[in-house]
């Protein structure tokens, strides 16, 4: 029997959710994001004293998430390199995302780069602290934000794996993200949900837009990461 190739196990036919989870946790960002989200949830539970804000804050964060994801995808992930003051401006996240479009089957490129993960966690702490002030509300917001970010990583990984959709919500996310990669990169920016695309006009029927010749390059030929 041939030895198991962990680098391709996530692409093999018949992948189960349990098998996908095992492959998911082999990568760095889930090893940070999932424990961070779990720790934030546990900390909030330990703080107790639940109030109305503990329902309102998560509702607001969940409502904003698809639009934040859309804005980041459009303006950061699909950023085209620019020269400003004689210097090339091309963020790590943008470079890695172009590589991901070049090779959607490379597992390492599916995940948020670790420097960005660390920055995102720090940024979420700051944003929640500035917006919510109360320690309990801050922890509620942080727990919700980190859980959603970990959920984004899992959904994105699963979509690119060989696991096939069995339920309607995931089937919709699976189809729209694959259209983004293989049909036209100017549409279908949502990964977890198509709500932001539907609201912002980037969720056409497949046959309403042509196949894009730049779906793999995002219009940038120099795709090498620094």
Protein backbone atom coordinates (compact mmCIF):
# COMPACT_ATOMS: atom_id res chain seq x y z
CA UNK A 1 0.00 0.00 0.00
CA UNK A 2 1.31 3.44 -0.91
CA UNK A 3 2.13 5.73 2.04
CA UNK A 4 -0.44 8.35 2.91
CA UNK A 5 0.34 11.72 1.37
CA UNK A 6 -0.87 14.30 3.86
CA UNK A 7 -0.43 17.08 1.32
CA UNK A 8 -3.12 15.65 -0.94
CA UNK A 9 -5.42 13.89 1.54
CA UNK A 10 -7.78 16.89 1.59
CA UNK A 11 -8.30 16.51 -2.18
CA UNK A 12 -9.05 12.80 -2.28
CA UNK A 13 -12.53 11.61 -3.29
CA UNK A 14 -14.78 10.53 -0.45
CA UNK A 15 -13.42 13.03 2.08
CA UNK A 16 -15.62 13.11 5.19
CA UNK A 17 -16.14 16.04 7.55
CA UNK A 18 -14.04 14.24 10.17
CA UNK A 19 -11.27 13.71 7.65
CA UNK A 20 -11.49 17.34 6.55
CA UNK A 21 -11.24 18.46 10.18
CA UNK A 22 -8.09 16.40 10.68
CA UNK A 23 -6.50 18.00 7.63
CA UNK A 24 -7.72 21.45 8.67
CA UNK A 25 -5.95 21.30 12.01
CA UNK A 26 -2.65 20.35 10.39
CA UNK A 27 -2.27 23.99 9.31
CA UNK A 28 -1.03 26.92 11.41
CA UNK A 29 -3.92 29.39 11.35
CA UNK A 30 -6.62 26.96 12.66
CA UNK A 31 -4.25 26.01 15.48
CA UNK A 32 -4.31 29.66 16.55
CA UNK A 33 -7.78 30.87 15.59
CA UNK A 34 -9.86 28.01 16.98
CA UNK A 35 -8.20 28.01 20.44
CA UNK A 36 -8.32 31.82 20.51
CA UNK A 37 -12.06 31.77 19.77
CA UNK A 38 -12.64 29.02 22.34
CA UNK A 39 -10.65 30.93 24.96
CA UNK A 40 -12.62 34.11 24.31
CA UNK A 41 -15.93 32.24 24.61
CA UNK A 42 -14.77 30.56 27.82
CA UNK A 43 -13.61 33.88 29.26
CA UNK A 44 -16.96 35.48 28.52
CA UNK A 45 -18.84 32.58 30.11
CA UNK A 46 -16.62 32.87 33.19
CA UNK A 47 -17.40 36.59 33.48
CA UNK A 48 -21.15 35.90 33.73
CA UNK A 49 -23.70 38.70 34.31
CA UNK A 50 -25.47 38.37 30.99
CA UNK A 51 -27.48 41.28 29.63
CA UNK A 52 -29.27 42.57 26.56
CA UNK A 53 -25.95 43.64 25.03
CA UNK A 54 -24.88 39.99 24.92
CA UNK A 55 -27.58 39.45 22.31
CA UNK A 56 -27.26 42.78 20.51
CA UNK A 57 -23.47 42.75 20.09
CA UNK A 58 -23.31 39.32 18.39
CA UNK A 59 -26.27 40.23 16.18
CA UNK A 60 -24.48 43.39 15.00
CA UNK A 61 -21.18 41.57 14.45
CA UNK A 62 -22.86 38.75 12.51
CA UNK A 63 -24.80 41.28 10.43
CA UNK A 64 -21.65 43.23 9.55
CA UNK A 65 -19.41 40.22 8.85
CA UNK A 66 -20.52 39.50 5.25
CA UNK A 67 -19.93 43.13 4.28
CA UNK A 68 -16.56 43.34 6.02
CA UNK A 69 -15.58 40.14 4.20
CA UNK A 70 -16.76 41.63 0.89
CA UNK A 71 -14.83 44.88 1.43
CA UNK A 72 -11.63 43.05 2.38
CA UNK A 73 -11.96 40.68 -0.57
CA UNK A 74 -12.54 43.45 -3.10
CA UNK A 75 -10.14 46.07 -1.78
CA UNK A 76 -7.33 44.07 -0.15
CA UNK A 77 -7.29 40.55 -1.57
CA UNK A 78 -7.79 41.83 -5.12
CA UNK A 79 -5.48 44.79 -4.68
CA UNK A 80 -3.31 45.39 -7.74
CA UNK A 81 0.28 46.46 -7.05
CA UNK A 82 0.84 50.21 -7.23
CA UNK A 83 3.93 52.37 -7.24
CA UNK A 84 3.76 55.14 -4.65
CA UNK A 85 6.69 57.50 -4.25
CA UNK A 86 8.86 55.17 -6.26
CA UNK A 87 8.03 52.16 -4.08
CA UNK A 88 5.92 49.17 -5.03
CA UNK A 89 2.94 48.75 -2.71
CA UNK A 90 1.79 45.14 -2.73
CA UNK A 91 0.64 43.75 0.67
CA UNK A 92 1.42 40.19 1.71
CA UNK A 93 -2.26 39.26 1.85
CA UNK A 94 -2.79 40.48 -1.72
CA UNK A 95 0.24 38.58 -3.03
CA UNK A 96 -0.78 35.38 -1.30
CA UNK A 97 -4.33 35.69 -2.60
CA UNK A 98 -3.10 36.00 -6.18
CA UNK A 99 -1.08 32.84 -5.63
CA UNK A 100 -4.23 31.20 -4.28
CA UNK A 101 -6.10 32.08 -7.47
CA UNK A 102 -3.21 30.66 -9.49
CA UNK A 103 -3.40 27.37 -7.63
CA UNK A 104 -6.63 26.89 -5.64
CA UNK A 105 -5.60 23.30 -4.86
CA UNK A 106 -2.52 24.31 -2.86
CA UNK A 107 -3.59 23.85 0.76
CA UNK A 108 -1.02 26.28 2.15
CA UNK A 109 -2.51 29.10 0.08
CA UNK A 110 -6.08 28.48 1.26
CA UNK A 111 -5.35 29.81 4.73
CA UNK A 112 -4.84 33.35 6.01
CA UNK A 113 -1.07 33.95 6.35
CA UNK A 114 0.07 33.78 9.96
CA UNK A 115 1.39 37.38 10.14
CA UNK A 116 -2.09 38.50 9.04
CA UNK A 117 -3.77 36.18 11.57
CA UNK A 118 -1.75 37.71 14.40
CA UNK A 119 -2.53 41.22 13.17
CA UNK A 120 -6.23 40.37 12.79
CA UNK A 121 -6.49 39.09 16.37
CA UNK A 122 -4.78 42.21 17.68
CA UNK A 123 -6.97 44.40 15.51
CA UNK A 124 -10.15 42.72 16.74
CA UNK A 125 -9.10 43.27 20.33
CA UNK A 126 -8.53 46.97 19.65
CA UNK A 127 -11.74 47.48 17.64
CA UNK A 128 -13.92 45.75 20.22
CA UNK A 129 -12.24 47.63 23.08
CA UNK A 130 -12.77 51.01 21.40
CA UNK A 131 -16.34 50.28 20.29
CA UNK A 132 -17.74 48.57 23.37
CA UNK A 133 -15.83 49.87 26.44
CA UNK A 134 -17.43 47.51 28.98
CA UNK A 135 -15.19 44.47 29.68
CA UNK A 136 -18.09 42.04 29.37
CA UNK A 137 -19.30 43.57 26.10
CA UNK A 138 -15.74 43.65 24.77
CA UNK A 139 -15.37 39.94 25.48
CA UNK A 140 -18.75 39.19 23.90
CA UNK A 141 -17.73 41.07 20.76
CA UNK A 142 -14.30 39.46 20.69
CA UNK A 143 -15.67 35.95 21.18
CA UNK A 144 -18.15 36.51 18.33
CA UNK A 145 -15.54 38.05 16.02
CA UNK A 146 -12.97 35.31 16.57
CA UNK A 147 -15.57 32.58 16.16
CA UNK A 148 -16.63 34.07 12.83
CA UNK A 149 -13.02 34.36 11.67
CA UNK A 150 -12.34 30.73 12.58
CA UNK A 151 -15.59 29.81 10.81
CA UNK A 152 -14.42 31.65 7.71
CA UNK A 153 -11.16 29.65 7.66
CA UNK A 154 -13.05 26.37 8.03
CA UNK A 155 -15.60 27.20 5.34
CA UNK A 156 -12.96 28.37 2.88
CA UNK A 157 -10.86 25.26 3.47
CA UNK A 158 -13.86 22.96 3.10
CA UNK A 159 -14.96 24.60 -0.17
CA UNK A 160 -11.54 23.98 -1.72
CA UNK A 161 -11.33 20.42 -0.41
CA UNK A 162 -12.86 17.37 -2.07
CA UNK A 163 -15.74 17.33 0.43
CA UNK A 164 -19.00 17.77 -1.43
CA UNK A 165 -22.01 19.79 -0.21
CA UNK A 166 -24.87 17.90 1.39
CA UNK A 167 -27.00 20.79 2.69
CA UNK A 168 -28.37 23.88 0.93
CA UNK A 169 -26.50 26.69 2.78
CA UNK A 170 -23.11 25.07 2.23
CA UNK A 171 -24.02 24.08 -1.34
CA UNK A 172 -24.77 27.74 -2.11
CA UNK A 173 -21.46 28.92 -0.60
CA UNK A 174 -19.55 26.12 -2.38
CA UNK A 175 -21.03 26.97 -5.77
CA UNK A 176 -20.60 30.76 -5.56
CA UNK A 177 -16.98 30.59 -4.38
CA UNK A 178 -16.07 28.17 -7.13
CA UNK A 179 -17.70 30.47 -9.66
CA UNK A 180 -15.48 33.25 -8.30
CA UNK A 181 -12.38 31.13 -8.93
CA UNK A 182 -13.30 29.40 -12.16
CA UNK A 183 -15.86 31.68 -13.87
CA UNK A 184 -15.21 35.33 -13.12
CA UNK A 185 -13.18 36.89 -10.30
CA UNK A 186 -15.20 40.13 -10.40
CA UNK A 187 -18.24 38.50 -8.82
CA UNK A 188 -19.20 36.16 -5.96
CA UNK A 189 -16.87 37.66 -3.32
CA UNK A 190 -18.64 36.19 -0.30
CA UNK A 191 -17.22 32.94 1.07
CA UNK A 192 -19.36 32.07 4.09
CA UNK A 193 -22.57 33.56 2.69
CA UNK A 194 -23.65 35.31 -0.53
CA UNK A 195 -25.68 37.96 1.36
CA UNK A 196 -23.20 40.78 0.69
CA UNK A 197 -22.99 39.87 -3.00
CA UNK A 198 -26.76 39.84 -3.29
CA UNK A 199 -27.07 43.26 -1.63
CA UNK A 200 -24.14 44.87 -3.46
CA UNK A 201 -24.90 43.55 -6.95
CA UNK A 202 -22.09 41.01 -7.39
CA UNK A 203 -24.20 37.86 -7.41
CA UNK A 204 -25.31 37.34 -11.00
CA UNK A 205 -26.56 34.11 -12.51
CA UNK A 206 -23.65 32.14 -13.92
CA UNK A 207 -24.60 32.71 -17.56
CA UNK A 208 -25.09 36.45 -17.12
CA UNK A 209 -21.33 37.09 -17.03
CA UNK A 210 -18.61 35.79 -19.35
CA UNK A 211 -15.78 33.50 -18.31
CA UNK A 212 -12.89 35.75 -17.33
CA UNK A 213 -9.42 35.24 -18.83
CA UNK A 214 -7.90 36.77 -15.68
CA UNK A 215 -9.64 34.57 -13.08
CA UNK A 216 -6.29 32.95 -12.26
CA UNK A 217 -4.02 35.99 -12.45
CA UNK A 218 -6.40 38.73 -11.20
CA UNK A 219 -4.86 40.78 -14.00
CA UNK A 220 -1.39 40.74 -12.43
CA UNK A 221 1.24 38.66 -14.19
CA UNK A 222 3.91 38.97 -11.48
CA UNK A 223 2.30 36.79 -8.82
CA UNK A 224 5.37 35.74 -6.85
CA UNK A 225 5.17 36.21 -3.09
CA UNK A 226 8.06 38.05 -1.48
